[in-house]
PDB file of N, CA and C in Angstrom:
ATOM      1  N   MET A   1      -3.144  29.533 -21.335  1.00  0.00           N
ATOM      2  CA  MET A   1      -2.074  29.334 -20.427  1.00  0.00           C
ATOM      3  C   MET A   1      -2.535  29.393 -18.868  1.00  0.00           C
ATOM      4  N   ARG A   2      -3.567  29.938 -18.695  1.00  0.00           N
ATOM      5  CA  ARG A   2      -4.161  29.963 -17.261  1.00  0.00           C
ATOM      6  C   ARG A   2      -4.803  28.716 -17.036  1.00  0.00           C
ATOM      7  N   ARG A   3      -5.245  27.959 -17.953  1.00  0.00           N
ATOM      8  CA  ARG A   3      -5.872  26.713 -17.737  1.00  0.00           C
ATOM      9  C   ARG A   3      -4.926  25.588 -17.126  1.00  0.00           C
ATOM     10  N   VAL A   4      -3.687  25.656 -17.461  1.00  0.00           N
ATOM     11  CA  VAL A   4      -2.786  24.692 -17.008  1.00  0.00           C
ATOM     12  C   VAL A   4      -2.735  24.435 -15.610  1.00  0.00           C
ATOM     13  N   PRO A   5      -2.515  25.634 -14.790  1.00  0.00           N
ATOM     14  CA  PRO A   5      -2.528  25.499 -13.367  1.00  0.00           C
ATOM     15  C   PRO A   5      -3.781  24.807 -12.740  1.00  0.00           C
ATOM     16  N   VAL A   6      -4.938  25.213 -13.392  1.00  0.00           N
ATOM     17  CA  VAL A   6      -6.234  24.684 -12.890  1.00  0.00           C
ATOM     18  C   VAL A   6      -6.339  23.286 -13.186  1.00  0.00           C
ATOM     19  N   LEU A   7      -5.814  22.891 -14.435  1.00  0.00           N
ATOM     20  CA  LEU A   7      -5.895  21.342 -14.708  1.00  0.00           C
ATOM     21  C   LEU A   7      -4.985  20.578 -13.810  1.00  0.00           C
ATOM     22  N   LEU A   8      -3.794  21.219 -13.481  1.00  0.00           N
ATOM     23  CA  LEU A   8      -2.885  20.455 -12.597  1.00  0.00           C
ATOM     24  C   LEU A   8      -3.454  20.293 -11.207  1.00  0.00           C
ATOM     25  N   LEU A   9      -4.154  21.280 -10.729  1.00  0.00           N
ATOM     26  CA  LEU A   9      -4.813  21.280  -9.366  1.00  0.00           C
ATOM     27  C   LEU A   9      -6.044  20.114  -9.472  1.00  0.00           C
ATOM     28  N   LEU A  10      -6.677  20.203 -10.518  1.00  0.00           N
ATOM     29  CA  LEU A  10      -7.769  19.121 -10.676  1.00  0.00           C
ATOM     30  C   LEU A  10      -7.179  17.747 -10.615  1.00  0.00           C
ATOM     31  N   LEU A  11      -6.074  17.564 -11.477  1.00  0.00           N
ATOM     32  CA  LEU A  11      -5.533  16.262 -11.484  1.00  0.00           C
ATOM     33  C   LEU A  11      -4.900  15.914 -10.055  1.00  0.00           C
ATOM     34  N   ALA A  12      -4.290  16.669  -9.390  1.00  0.00           N
ATOM     35  CA  ALA A  12      -3.743  16.522  -8.192  1.00  0.00           C
ATOM     36  C   ALA A  12      -4.943  16.120  -7.068  1.00  0.00           C
ATOM     37  N   ALA A  13      -5.888  16.825  -7.244  1.00  0.00           N
ATOM     38  CA  ALA A  13      -7.149  16.478  -6.388  1.00  0.00           C
ATOM     39  C   ALA A  13      -7.655  15.160  -6.702  1.00  0.00           C
ATOM     40  N   SER A  14      -7.628  14.706  -7.982  1.00  0.00           N
ATOM     41  CA  SER A  14      -8.204  13.496  -8.374  1.00  0.00           C
ATOM     42  C   SER A  14      -7.363  12.316  -7.851  1.00  0.00           C
ATOM     43  N   CYS A  15      -6.046  12.526  -7.663  1.00  0.00           N
ATOM     44  CA  CYS A  15      -5.067  11.566  -7.349  1.00  0.00           C
ATOM     45  C   CYS A  15      -4.832  11.400  -5.746  1.00  0.00           C
ATOM     46  N   LYS A  16      -5.645  12.122  -5.045  1.00  0.00           N
ATOM     47  CA  LYS A  16      -5.623  12.077  -3.552  1.00  0.00           C
ATOM     48  C   LYS A  16      -5.906  10.721  -3.068  1.00  0.00           C
ATOM     49  N   MET A  17      -5.076  10.183  -2.163  1.00  0.00           N
ATOM     50  CA  MET A  17      -5.201   8.958  -1.695  1.00  0.00           C
ATOM     51  C   MET A  17      -6.288   8.965  -0.711  1.00  0.00           C
ATOM     52  N   THR A  18      -7.275   8.058  -0.633  1.00  0.00           N
ATOM     53  CA  THR A  18      -8.251   7.874   0.192  1.00  0.00           C
ATOM     54  C   THR A  18      -8.469   6.479   0.876  1.00  0.00           C
ATOM     55  N   GLU A  19      -9.136   6.445   1.925  1.00  0.00           N
ATOM     56  CA  GLU A  19      -9.418   5.124   2.641  1.00  0.00           C
ATOM     57  C   GLU A  19      -9.935   4.136   1.644  1.00  0.00           C
ATOM     58  N   GLU A  20     -10.914   4.578   0.735  1.00  0.00           N
ATOM     59  CA  GLU A  20     -11.600   3.741  -0.094  1.00  0.00           C
ATOM     60  C   GLU A  20     -10.614   3.221  -1.167  1.00  0.00           C
ATOM     61  N   ARG A  21      -9.828   4.030  -1.618  1.00  0.00           N
ATOM     62  CA  ARG A  21      -8.867   3.589  -2.653  1.00  0.00           C
ATOM     63  C   ARG A  21      -7.603   2.836  -2.199  1.00  0.00           C
ATOM     64  N   TRP A  22      -7.386   2.917  -0.826  1.00  0.00           N
ATOM     65  CA  TRP A  22      -6.118   2.245  -0.311  1.00  0.00           C
ATOM     66  C   TRP A  22      -6.034   0.744  -0.407  1.00  0.00           C
ATOM     67  N   PRO A  23      -7.089   0.056  -0.260  1.00  0.00           N
ATOM     68  CA  PRO A  23      -6.854  -1.495  -0.408  1.00  0.00           C
ATOM     69  C   PRO A  23      -6.415  -1.855  -1.747  1.00  0.00           C
ATOM     70  N   ASP A  24      -7.120  -1.236  -2.753  1.00  0.00           N
ATOM     71  CA  ASP A  24      -6.802  -1.479  -4.197  1.00  0.00           C
ATOM     72  C   ASP A  24      -5.325  -1.169  -4.433  1.00  0.00           C
ATOM     73  N   LYS A  25      -4.926   0.114  -4.115  1.00  0.00           N
ATOM     74  CA  LYS A  25      -3.524   0.571  -4.499  1.00  0.00           C
ATOM     75  C   LYS A  25      -2.527  -0.234  -3.749  1.00  0.00           C
ATOM     76  N   ILE A  26      -2.708  -0.458  -2.415  1.00  0.00           N
ATOM     77  CA  ILE A  26      -1.644  -1.267  -1.791  1.00  0.00           C
ATOM     78  C   ILE A  26      -1.524  -2.735  -2.282  1.00  0.00           C
ATOM     79  N   ALA A  27      -2.664  -3.317  -2.551  1.00  0.00           N
ATOM     80  CA  ALA A  27      -2.703  -4.686  -3.059  1.00  0.00           C
ATOM     81  C   ALA A  27      -1.872  -4.731  -4.314  1.00  0.00           C
ATOM     82  N   LYS A  28      -2.166  -3.883  -5.296  1.00  0.00           N
ATOM     83  CA  LYS A  28      -1.550  -3.848  -6.658  1.00  0.00           C
ATOM     84  C   LYS A  28      -0.029  -3.566  -6.434  1.00  0.00           C
ATOM     85  N   ALA A  29       0.354  -2.526  -5.552  1.00  0.00           N
ATOM     86  CA  ALA A  29       1.778  -2.228  -5.459  1.00  0.00           C
ATOM     87  C   ALA A  29       2.522  -3.229  -4.737  1.00  0.00           C
ATOM     88  N   SER A  30       1.896  -3.876  -3.638  1.00  0.00           N
ATOM     89  CA  SER A  30       2.659  -5.072  -3.052  1.00  0.00           C
ATOM     90  C   SER A  30       2.940  -6.239  -3.949  1.00  0.00           C
ATOM     91  N   CYS A  31       1.896  -6.601  -4.714  1.00  0.00           N
ATOM     92  CA  CYS A  31       1.894  -7.692  -5.729  1.00  0.00           C
ATOM     93  C   CYS A  31       2.967  -7.324  -6.715  1.00  0.00           C
ATOM     94  N   LYS A  32       3.062  -6.137  -7.287  1.00  0.00           N
ATOM     95  CA  LYS A  32       4.085  -5.814  -8.376  1.00  0.00           C
ATOM     96  C   LYS A  32       5.451  -5.778  -7.637  1.00  0.00           C
ATOM     97  N   PHE A  33       5.572  -5.399  -6.530  1.00  0.00           N
ATOM     98  CA  PHE A  33       6.845  -5.486  -5.814  1.00  0.00           C
ATOM     99  C   PHE A  33       7.337  -6.823  -5.628  1.00  0.00           C
ATOM    100  N   GLU A  34       6.388  -7.697  -5.132  1.00  0.00           N
ATOM    101  CA  GLU A  34       6.769  -9.146  -5.005  1.00  0.00           C
ATOM    102  C   GLU A  34       7.112  -9.780  -6.257  1.00  0.00           C
ATOM    103  N   GLU A  35       6.388  -9.524  -7.367  1.00  0.00           N
ATOM    104  CA  GLU A  35       6.766 -10.170  -8.611  1.00  0.00           C
ATOM    105  C   GLU A  35       8.157  -9.721  -9.159  1.00  0.00           C
ATOM    106  N   ARG A  36       8.323  -8.409  -8.928  1.00  0.00           N
ATOM    107  CA  ARG A  36       9.617  -7.857  -9.424  1.00  0.00           C
ATOM    108  C   ARG A  36      10.845  -8.303  -8.595  1.00  0.00           C
ATOM    109  N   CYS A  37      10.543  -8.294  -7.315  1.00  0.00           N
ATOM    110  CA  CYS A  37      11.753  -8.425  -6.291  1.00  0.00           C
ATOM    111  C   CYS A  37      11.976  -9.901  -5.627  1.00  0.00           C
ATOM    112  N   HIS A  38      10.853 -10.704  -5.670  1.00  0.00           N
ATOM    113  CA  HIS A  38      10.953 -11.942  -5.162  1.00  0.00           C
ATOM    114  C   HIS A  38      10.199 -12.914  -6.190  1.00  0.00           C
ATOM    115  N   THR A  39      10.749 -12.942  -7.380  1.00  0.00           N
ATOM    116  CA  THR A  39      10.138 -13.529  -8.433  1.00  0.00           C
ATOM    117  C   THR A  39       9.776 -15.117  -8.171  1.00  0.00           C
ATOM    118  N   ALA A  40      10.733 -15.807  -7.698  1.00  0.00           N
ATOM    119  CA  ALA A  40      10.612 -17.357  -7.507  1.00  0.00           C
ATOM    120  C   ALA A  40       9.410 -17.572  -6.531  1.00  0.00           C
ATOM    121  N   SER A  41       9.498 -16.708  -5.310  1.00  0.00           N
ATOM    122  CA  SER A  41       8.386 -17.118  -4.411  1.00  0.00           C
ATOM    123  C   SER A  41       7.118 -16.490  -4.985  1.00  0.00           C
ATOM    124  N   PHE A  42       7.000 -15.508  -5.678  1.00  0.00           N
ATOM    125  CA  PHE A  42       5.794 -14.943  -6.181  1.00  0.00           C
ATOM    126  C   PHE A  42       5.099 -16.093  -7.120  1.00  0.00           C
ATOM    127  N   TYR A  43       5.904 -16.598  -8.066  1.00  0.00           N
ATOM    128  CA  TYR A  43       5.219 -17.502  -8.941  1.00  0.00           C
ATOM    129  C   TYR A  43       5.065 -18.885  -8.274  1.00  0.00           C
ATOM    130  N   TYR A  44       5.682 -19.209  -7.165  1.00  0.00           N
ATOM    131  CA  TYR A  44       5.322 -20.346  -6.395  1.00  0.00           C
ATOM    132  C   TYR A  44       3.922 -20.344  -5.684  1.00  0.00           C
ATOM    133  N   ASN A  45       3.526 -18.911  -5.417  1.00  0.00           N
ATOM    134  CA  ASN A  45       2.294 -18.680  -4.727  1.00  0.00           C
ATOM    135  C   ASN A  45       1.157 -18.243  -5.600  1.00  0.00           C
ATOM    136  N   TYR A  46       1.613 -17.718  -6.774  1.00  0.00           N
ATOM    137  CA  TYR A  46       0.502 -17.009  -7.636  1.00  0.00           C
ATOM    138  C   TYR A  46       0.774 -17.448  -9.005  1.00  0.00           C
ATOM    139  N   ARG A  47      -0.305 -17.547  -9.779  1.00  0.00           N
ATOM    140  CA  ARG A  47      -0.225 -17.706 -11.338  1.00  0.00           C
ATOM    141  C   ARG A  47       0.221 -16.451 -12.053  1.00  0.00           C
ATOM    142  N   ASP A  48      -0.312 -15.243 -11.565  1.00  0.00           N
ATOM    143  CA  ASP A  48      -0.061 -14.007 -12.058  1.00  0.00           C
ATOM    144  C   ASP A  48      -0.391 -12.873 -11.205  1.00  0.00           C
ATOM    145  N   VAL A  49      -0.094 -11.661 -11.538  1.00  0.00           N
ATOM    146  CA  VAL A  49      -0.335 -10.541 -10.687  1.00  0.00           C
ATOM    147  C   VAL A  49      -1.892 -10.304 -10.342  1.00  0.00           C
ATOM    148  N   ASP A  50      -2.653 -10.678 -11.274  1.00  0.00           N
ATOM    149  CA  ASP A  50      -4.218 -10.549 -11.016  1.00  0.00           C
ATOM    150  C   ASP A  50      -4.600 -11.564  -9.942  1.00  0.00           C
ATOM    151  N   GLN A  51      -4.081 -12.692  -9.817  1.00  0.00           N
ATOM    152  CA  GLN A  51      -4.429 -13.570  -8.658  1.00  0.00           C
ATOM    153  C   GLN A  51      -3.823 -13.223  -7.485  1.00  0.00           C
ATOM    154  N   CYS A  52      -2.728 -12.564  -7.537  1.00  0.00           N
ATOM    155  CA  CYS A  52      -2.062 -11.972  -6.305  1.00  0.00           C
ATOM    156  C   CYS A  52      -2.837 -10.837  -5.724  1.00  0.00           C
ATOM    157  N   VAL A  53      -3.300  -9.866  -6.620  1.00  0.00           N
ATOM    158  CA  VAL A  53      -4.178  -8.842  -6.282  1.00  0.00           C
ATOM    159  C   VAL A  53      -5.325  -9.244  -5.627  1.00  0.00           C
ATOM    160  N   GLU A  54      -6.075 -10.201  -6.283  1.00  0.00           N
ATOM    161  CA  GLU A  54      -7.249 -10.705  -5.732  1.00  0.00           C
ATOM    162  C   GLU A  54      -7.046 -11.169  -4.288  1.00  0.00           C
ATOM    163  N   HIS A  55      -5.967 -11.884  -4.065  1.00  0.00           N
ATOM    164  CA  HIS A  55      -5.615 -12.483  -2.657  1.00  0.00           C
ATOM    165  C   HIS A  55      -5.365 -11.205  -1.673  1.00  0.00           C
ATOM    166  N   GLU A  56      -4.433 -10.334  -2.144  1.00  0.00           N
ATOM    167  CA  GLU A  56      -4.009  -9.263  -1.332  1.00  0.00           C
ATOM    168  C   GLU A  56      -5.211  -8.336  -0.981  1.00  0.00           C
ATOM    169  N   LEU A  57      -5.990  -8.017  -2.106  1.00  0.00           N
ATOM    170  CA  LEU A  57      -7.006  -7.026  -1.877  1.00  0.00           C
ATOM    171  C   LEU A  57      -8.056  -7.523  -0.619  1.00  0.00           C
ATOM    172  N   GLN A  58      -8.226  -8.862  -0.595  1.00  0.00           N
ATOM    173  CA  GLN A  58      -9.033  -9.354   0.506  1.00  0.00           C
ATOM    174  C   GLN A  58      -8.310  -9.044   1.976  1.00  0.00           C
ATOM    175  N   ILE A  59      -7.070  -9.227   1.873  1.00  0.00           N
ATOM    176  CA  ILE A  59      -6.309  -9.062   3.162  1.00  0.00           C
ATOM    177  C   ILE A  59      -6.337  -7.550   3.570  1.00  0.00           C
ATOM    178  N   TRP A  60      -6.069  -6.721   2.533  1.00  0.00           N
ATOM    179  CA  TRP A  60      -5.944  -5.173   2.785  1.00  0.00           C
ATOM    180  C   TRP A  60      -7.324  -4.686   3.125  1.00  0.00           C
ATOM    181  N   GLN A  61      -8.345  -5.222   2.515  1.00  0.00           N
ATOM    182  CA  GLN A  61      -9.685  -4.797   2.864  1.00  0.00           C
ATOM    183  C   GLN A  61     -10.081  -5.076   4.410  1.00  0.00           C
ATOM    184  N   GLU A  62      -9.567  -6.251   4.775  1.00  0.00           N
ATOM    185  CA  GLU A  62      -9.606  -6.622   6.245  1.00  0.00           C
ATOM    186  C   GLU A  62      -9.029  -5.557   7.030  1.00  0.00           C
ATOM    187  N   HIS A  63      -7.884  -5.245   6.714  1.00  0.00           N
ATOM    188  CA  HIS A  63      -7.054  -4.306   7.393  1.00  0.00           C
ATOM    189  C   HIS A  63      -7.929  -2.965   7.578  1.00  0.00           C
ATOM    190  N   THR A  64      -8.407  -2.574   6.427  1.00  0.00           N
ATOM    191  CA  THR A  64      -9.063  -1.227   6.480  1.00  0.00           C
ATOM    192  C   THR A  64     -10.371  -1.398   7.301  1.00  0.00           C
ATOM    193  N   ASP A  65     -11.059  -2.433   7.141  1.00  0.00           N
ATOM    194  CA  ASP A  65     -12.249  -2.609   8.077  1.00  0.00           C
ATOM    195  C   ASP A  65     -11.918  -2.549   9.489  1.00  0.00           C
ATOM    196  N   PHE A  66     -10.823  -3.295   9.809  1.00  0.00           N
ATOM    197  CA  PHE A  66     -10.399  -3.289  11.324  1.00  0.00           C
ATOM    198  C   PHE A  66      -9.887  -1.929  11.658  1.00  0.00           C
ATOM    199  N   TYR A  67      -9.062  -1.208  10.968  1.00  0.00           N
ATOM    200  CA  TYR A  67      -8.502   0.009  11.249  1.00  0.00           C
ATOM    201  C   TYR A  67      -9.467   1.218  11.381  1.00  0.00           C
ATOM    202  N   GLU A  68     -10.327   1.364  10.410  1.00  0.00           N
ATOM    203  CA  GLU A  68     -11.112   2.598  10.167  1.00  0.00           C
ATOM    204  C   GLU A  68     -12.124   2.736  11.346  1.00  0.00           C
ATOM    205  N   LYS A  69     -12.337   1.669  12.202  1.00  0.00           N
ATOM    206  CA  LYS A  69     -13.279   1.891  13.261  1.00  0.00           C
ATOM    207  C   LYS A  69     -12.767   2.878  14.346  1.00  0.00           C
ATOM    208  N   ASP A  70     -11.485   2.762  14.731  1.00  0.00           N
ATOM    209  CA  ASP A  70     -10.840   3.685  15.616  1.00  0.00           C
ATOM    210  C   ASP A  70      -9.657   4.368  15.293  1.00  0.00           C
ATOM    211  N   CYS A  71      -9.251   4.409  13.939  1.00  0.00           N
ATOM    212  CA  CYS A  71      -8.058   4.959  13.613  1.00  0.00           C
ATOM    213  C   CYS A  71      -8.314   5.996  12.416  1.00  0.00           C
ATOM    214  N   THR A  72      -7.308   6.712  12.223  1.00  0.00           N
ATOM    215  CA  THR A  72      -7.334   7.826  11.135  1.00  0.00           C
ATOM    216  C   THR A  72      -6.394   7.363  10.090  1.00  0.00           C
ATOM    217  N   PHE A  73      -6.825   7.452   8.927  1.00  0.00           N
ATOM    218  CA  PHE A  73      -6.083   7.189   7.760  1.00  0.00           C
ATOM    219  C   PHE A  73      -5.185   8.350   7.319  1.00  0.00           C
ATOM    220  N   GLN A  74      -3.921   8.011   7.149  1.00  0.00           N
ATOM    221  CA  GLN A  74      -3.029   9.182   6.858  1.00  0.00           C
ATOM    222  C   GLN A  74      -2.538   9.136   5.413  1.00  0.00           C
ATOM    223  N   PRO A  75      -3.125   9.871   4.500  1.00  0.00           N
ATOM    224  CA  PRO A  75      -2.846   9.862   3.098  1.00  0.00           C
ATOM    225  C   PRO A  75      -1.320  10.055   2.630  1.00  0.00           C
ATOM    226  N   ASP A  76      -0.761  10.921   3.403  1.00  0.00           N
ATOM    227  CA  ASP A  76       0.626  11.200   3.152  1.00  0.00           C
ATOM    228  C   ASP A  76       1.563   9.924   3.404  1.00  0.00           C
ATOM    229  N   LEU A  77       1.263   9.251   4.451  1.00  0.00           N
ATOM    230  CA  LEU A  77       1.997   7.923   4.737  1.00  0.00           C
ATOM    231  C   LEU A  77       1.735   6.830   3.748  1.00  0.00           C
ATOM    232  N   ALA A  78       0.393   6.965   3.282  1.00  0.00           N
ATOM    233  CA  ALA A  78       0.029   5.859   2.222  1.00  0.00           C
ATOM    234  C   ALA A  78       0.874   6.246   0.896  1.00  0.00           C
ATOM    235  N   LYS A  79       1.079   7.429   0.623  1.00  0.00           N
ATOM    236  CA  LYS A  79       1.895   7.774  -0.598  1.00  0.00           C
ATOM    237  C   LYS A  79       3.346   7.389  -0.333  1.00  0.00           C
ATOM    238  N   ASP A  80       3.865   7.486   0.833  1.00  0.00           N
ATOM    239  CA  ASP A  80       5.248   7.169   1.242  1.00  0.00           C
ATOM    240  C   ASP A  80       5.332   5.547   0.910  1.00  0.00           C
ATOM    241  N   CYS A  81       4.259   4.921   1.335  1.00  0.00           N
ATOM    242  CA  CYS A  81       4.329   3.444   1.344  1.00  0.00           C
ATOM    243  C   CYS A  81       4.406   3.085  -0.128  1.00  0.00           C
ATOM    244  N   LEU A  82       3.563   3.571  -0.901  1.00  0.00           N
ATOM    245  CA  LEU A  82       3.586   3.282  -2.390  1.00  0.00           C
ATOM    246  C   LEU A  82       4.883   3.605  -2.981  1.00  0.00           C
ATOM    247  N   ARG A  83       5.463   4.688  -2.743  1.00  0.00           N
ATOM    248  CA  ARG A  83       6.846   5.138  -3.163  1.00  0.00           C
ATOM    249  C   ARG A  83       7.860   3.970  -2.746  1.00  0.00           C
ATOM    250  N   ALA A  84       7.762   3.666  -1.447  1.00  0.00           N
ATOM    251  CA  ALA A  84       8.741   2.647  -1.042  1.00  0.00           C
ATOM    252  C   ALA A  84       8.660   1.371  -1.800  1.00  0.00           C
ATOM    253  N   LEU A  85       7.508   0.902  -2.104  1.00  0.00           N
ATOM    254  CA  LEU A  85       7.302  -0.335  -2.770  1.00  0.00           C
ATOM    255  C   LEU A  85       7.654  -0.181  -4.214  1.00  0.00           C
ATOM    256  N   ASP A  86       7.822   0.981  -4.646  1.00  0.00           N
ATOM    257  CA  ASP A  86       8.226   1.134  -6.022  1.00  0.00           C
ATOM    258  C   ASP A  86       9.618   1.413  -6.234  1.00  0.00           C
ATOM    259  N   ARG A  87      10.372   1.106  -5.117  1.00  0.00           N
ATOM    260  CA  ARG A  87      11.856   1.123  -5.169  1.00  0.00           C
ATOM    261  C   ARG A  87      12.383   0.114  -5.986  1.00  0.00           C
ATOM    262  N   ARG A  88      13.600   0.279  -6.462  1.00  0.00           N
ATOM    263  CA  ARG A  88      14.319  -0.935  -7.173  1.00  0.00           C
ATOM    264  C   ARG A  88      14.679  -1.979  -6.136  1.00  0.00           C
ATOM    265  N   CYS A  89      14.521  -3.197  -6.568  1.00  0.00           N
ATOM    266  CA  CYS A  89      14.730  -4.302  -5.647  1.00  0.00           C
ATOM    267  C   CYS A  89      16.089  -4.193  -4.876  1.00  0.00           C
ATOM    268  N   LYS A  90      17.138  -3.921  -5.470  1.00  0.00           N
ATOM    269  CA  LYS A  90      18.484  -3.739  -4.974  1.00  0.00           C
ATOM    270  C   LYS A  90      18.386  -2.790  -3.774  1.00  0.00           C
ATOM    271  N   LYS A  91      17.788  -1.633  -4.079  1.00  0.00           N
ATOM    272  CA  LYS A  91      17.705  -0.564  -3.091  1.00  0.00           C
ATOM    273  C   LYS A  91      16.731  -0.984  -1.986  1.00  0.00           C
ATOM    274  N   ALA A  92      15.660  -1.836  -2.104  1.00  0.00           N
ATOM    275  CA  ALA A  92      14.834  -2.339  -1.093  1.00  0.00           C
ATOM    276  C   ALA A  92      15.627  -3.297  -0.181  1.00  0.00           C
ATOM    277  N   GLY A  93      16.320  -4.211  -0.822  1.00  0.00           N
ATOM    278  CA  GLY A  93      17.201  -5.149  -0.275  1.00  0.00           C
ATOM    279  C   GLY A  93      16.601  -5.876   0.967  1.00  0.00           C
ATOM    280  N   ARG A  94      17.367  -5.913   1.972  1.00  0.00           N
ATOM    281  CA  ARG A  94      17.137  -6.705   3.146  1.00  0.00           C
ATOM    282  C   ARG A  94      16.302  -5.819   4.147  1.00  0.00           C
ATOM    283  N   GLU A  95      16.053  -4.630   3.745  1.00  0.00           N
ATOM    284  CA  GLU A  95      15.292  -3.756   4.638  1.00  0.00           C
ATOM    285  C   GLU A  95      13.785  -3.967   4.287  1.00  0.00           C
ATOM    286  N   TYR A  96      13.397  -5.059   3.809  1.00  0.00           N
ATOM    287  CA  TYR A  96      11.855  -5.187   3.464  1.00  0.00           C
ATOM    288  C   TYR A  96      10.898  -4.899   4.694  1.00  0.00           C
ATOM    289  N   ASP A  97      11.339  -5.538   5.766  1.00  0.00           N
ATOM    290  CA  ASP A  97      10.504  -5.346   6.934  1.00  0.00           C
ATOM    291  C   ASP A  97      10.272  -3.913   7.337  1.00  0.00           C
ATOM    292  N   GLU A  98      11.400  -3.090   7.273  1.00  0.00           N
ATOM    293  CA  GLU A  98      11.370  -1.728   7.479  1.00  0.00           C
ATOM    294  C   GLU A  98      10.686  -0.965   6.501  1.00  0.00           C
ATOM    295  N   LEU A  99      10.964  -1.339   5.301  1.00  0.00           N
ATOM    296  CA  LEU A  99      10.234  -0.809   4.092  1.00  0.00           C
ATOM    297  C   LEU A  99       8.712  -0.904   4.356  1.00  0.00           C
ATOM    298  N   PHE A 100       8.416  -2.075   4.744  1.00  0.00           N
ATOM    299  CA  PHE A 100       6.774  -2.332   4.734  1.00  0.00           C
ATOM    300  C   PHE A 100       6.263  -1.735   5.992  1.00  0.00           C
ATOM    301  N   GLN A 101       7.062  -1.505   7.022  1.00  0.00           N
ATOM    302  CA  GLN A 101       6.482  -0.780   8.266  1.00  0.00           C
ATOM    303  C   GLN A 101       5.759   0.415   7.896  1.00  0.00           C
ATOM    304  N   VAL A 102       6.359   1.184   6.925  1.00  0.00           N
ATOM    305  CA  VAL A 102       5.754   2.472   6.563  1.00  0.00           C
ATOM    306  C   VAL A 102       4.353   2.101   6.100  1.00  0.00           C
ATOM    307  N   CYS A 103       4.086   1.015   5.373  1.00  0.00           N
ATOM    308  CA  CYS A 103       2.682   0.790   4.984  1.00  0.00           C
ATOM    309  C   CYS A 103       1.665   0.362   6.047  1.00  0.00           C
ATOM    310  N   LEU A 104       2.274  -0.111   7.137  1.00  0.00           N
ATOM    311  CA  LEU A 104       1.480  -0.325   8.267  1.00  0.00           C
ATOM    312  C   LEU A 104       1.009   0.782   9.097  1.00  0.00           C
ATOM    313  N   GLU A 105       1.867   1.787   9.137  1.00  0.00           N
ATOM    314  CA  GLU A 105       1.638   3.104   9.831  1.00  0.00           C
ATOM    315  C   GLU A 105       0.698   4.006   9.075  1.00  0.00           C
ATOM    316  N   VAL A 106       0.176   3.580   7.950  1.00  0.00           N
ATOM    317  CA  VAL A 106      -0.768   4.375   7.342  1.00  0.00           C
ATOM    318  C   VAL A 106      -2.052   4.775   8.193  1.00  0.00           C
ATOM    319  N   TRP A 107      -2.255   3.876   9.121  1.00  0.00           N
ATOM    320  CA  TRP A 107      -3.274   4.146  10.106  1.00  0.00           C
ATOM    321  C   TRP A 107      -2.680   4.474  11.381  1.00  0.00           C
ATOM    322  N   ASP A 108      -3.051   5.722  11.889  1.00  0.00           N
ATOM    323  CA  ASP A 108      -2.465   6.453  12.998  1.00  0.00           C
ATOM    324  C   ASP A 108      -2.343   5.520  14.329  1.00  0.00           C
ATOM    325  N   CYS A 109      -3.187   4.531  14.523  1.00  0.00           N
ATOM    326  CA  CYS A 109      -3.199   3.883  15.743  1.00  0.00           C
ATOM    327  C   CYS A 109      -2.446   2.567  15.742  1.00  0.00           C
ATOM    328  N   VAL A 110      -1.871   2.161  14.670  1.00  0.00           N
ATOM    329  CA  VAL A 110      -1.021   0.885  14.594  1.00  0.00           C
ATOM    330  C   VAL A 110      -0.038   0.868  15.551  1.00  0.00           C
ATOM    331  N   GLN A 111       0.730   1.966  15.777  1.00  0.00           N
ATOM    332  CA  GLN A 111       1.703   2.001  16.833  1.00  0.00           C
ATOM    333  C   GLN A 111       1.218   1.688  18.176  1.00  0.00           C
ATOM    334  N   ASP A 112      -0.046   2.029  18.439  1.00  0.00           N
ATOM    335  CA  ASP A 112      -0.711   1.887  19.718  1.00  0.00           C
ATOM    336  C   ASP A 112      -1.282   0.325  20.095  1.00  0.00           C
ATOM    337  N   LEU A 113      -1.433  -0.309  18.961  1.00  0.00           N
ATOM    338  CA  LEU A 113      -2.077  -1.638  19.049  1.00  0.00           C
ATOM    339  C   LEU A 113      -1.088  -2.684  19.494  1.00  0.00           C
ATOM    340  N   ASP A 114      -1.517  -3.679  20.266  1.00  0.00           N
ATOM    341  CA  ASP A 114      -0.646  -4.846  20.465  1.00  0.00           C
ATOM    342  C   ASP A 114      -0.544  -5.672  19.193  1.00  0.00           C
ATOM    343  N   GLY A 115       0.664  -6.127  18.925  1.00  0.00           N
ATOM    344  CA  GLY A 115       0.862  -6.830  17.661  1.00  0.00           C
ATOM    345  C   GLY A 115      -0.172  -8.024  17.484  1.00  0.00           C
ATOM    346  N   GLU A 116      -0.527  -8.705  18.615  1.00  0.00           N
ATOM    347  CA  GLU A 116      -1.548  -9.758  18.367  1.00  0.00           C
ATOM    348  C   GLU A 116      -2.920  -9.322  17.880  1.00  0.00           C
ATOM    349  N   ASP A 117      -3.219  -7.971  18.146  1.00  0.00           N
ATOM    350  CA  ASP A 117      -4.525  -7.514  17.846  1.00  0.00           C
ATOM    351  C   ASP A 117      -4.531  -7.165  16.300  1.00  0.00           C
ATOM    352  N   LEU A 118      -3.461  -7.031  15.462  1.00  0.00           N
ATOM    353  CA  LEU A 118      -3.342  -6.653  14.148  1.00  0.00           C
ATOM    354  C   LEU A 118      -3.749  -7.794  13.285  1.00  0.00           C
ATOM    355  N   PRO A 119      -4.584  -7.439  12.349  1.00  0.00           N
ATOM    356  CA  PRO A 119      -5.039  -8.396  11.306  1.00  0.00           C
ATOM    357  C   PRO A 119      -4.018  -8.665  10.283  1.00  0.00           C
ATOM    358  N   LEU A 120      -2.831  -9.107  10.585  1.00  0.00           N
ATOM    359  CA  LEU A 120      -1.811  -9.315   9.548  1.00  0.00           C
ATOM    360  C   LEU A 120      -1.628 -10.835   9.171  1.00  0.00           C
TER     361      LEU A 120
END
């Protein structure tokens, strides 16, 4: 019985969100969200989720490269972003921009940067 809490702690530690894992996680989550909630436009732009992830991964890696120079990655906000993208489509609704804003704030300096400087 004592092993269970130790195993849970090890599992929690292994699931910690890191800067290195972020581009892959956000690319997959955003593609799955788009496929689920914006099906027509998704399939207009991509053949499948793998093609979308390949494209998105490149974009998010550029974000990471840009932000990690002067910004601090915030793992709790990264988890909030992934939870937001996991919402049901109806719940996400028209608030997509607000929902996605959480994902941009994963780096602490995004609020301080001029929008033209962001690699979006």
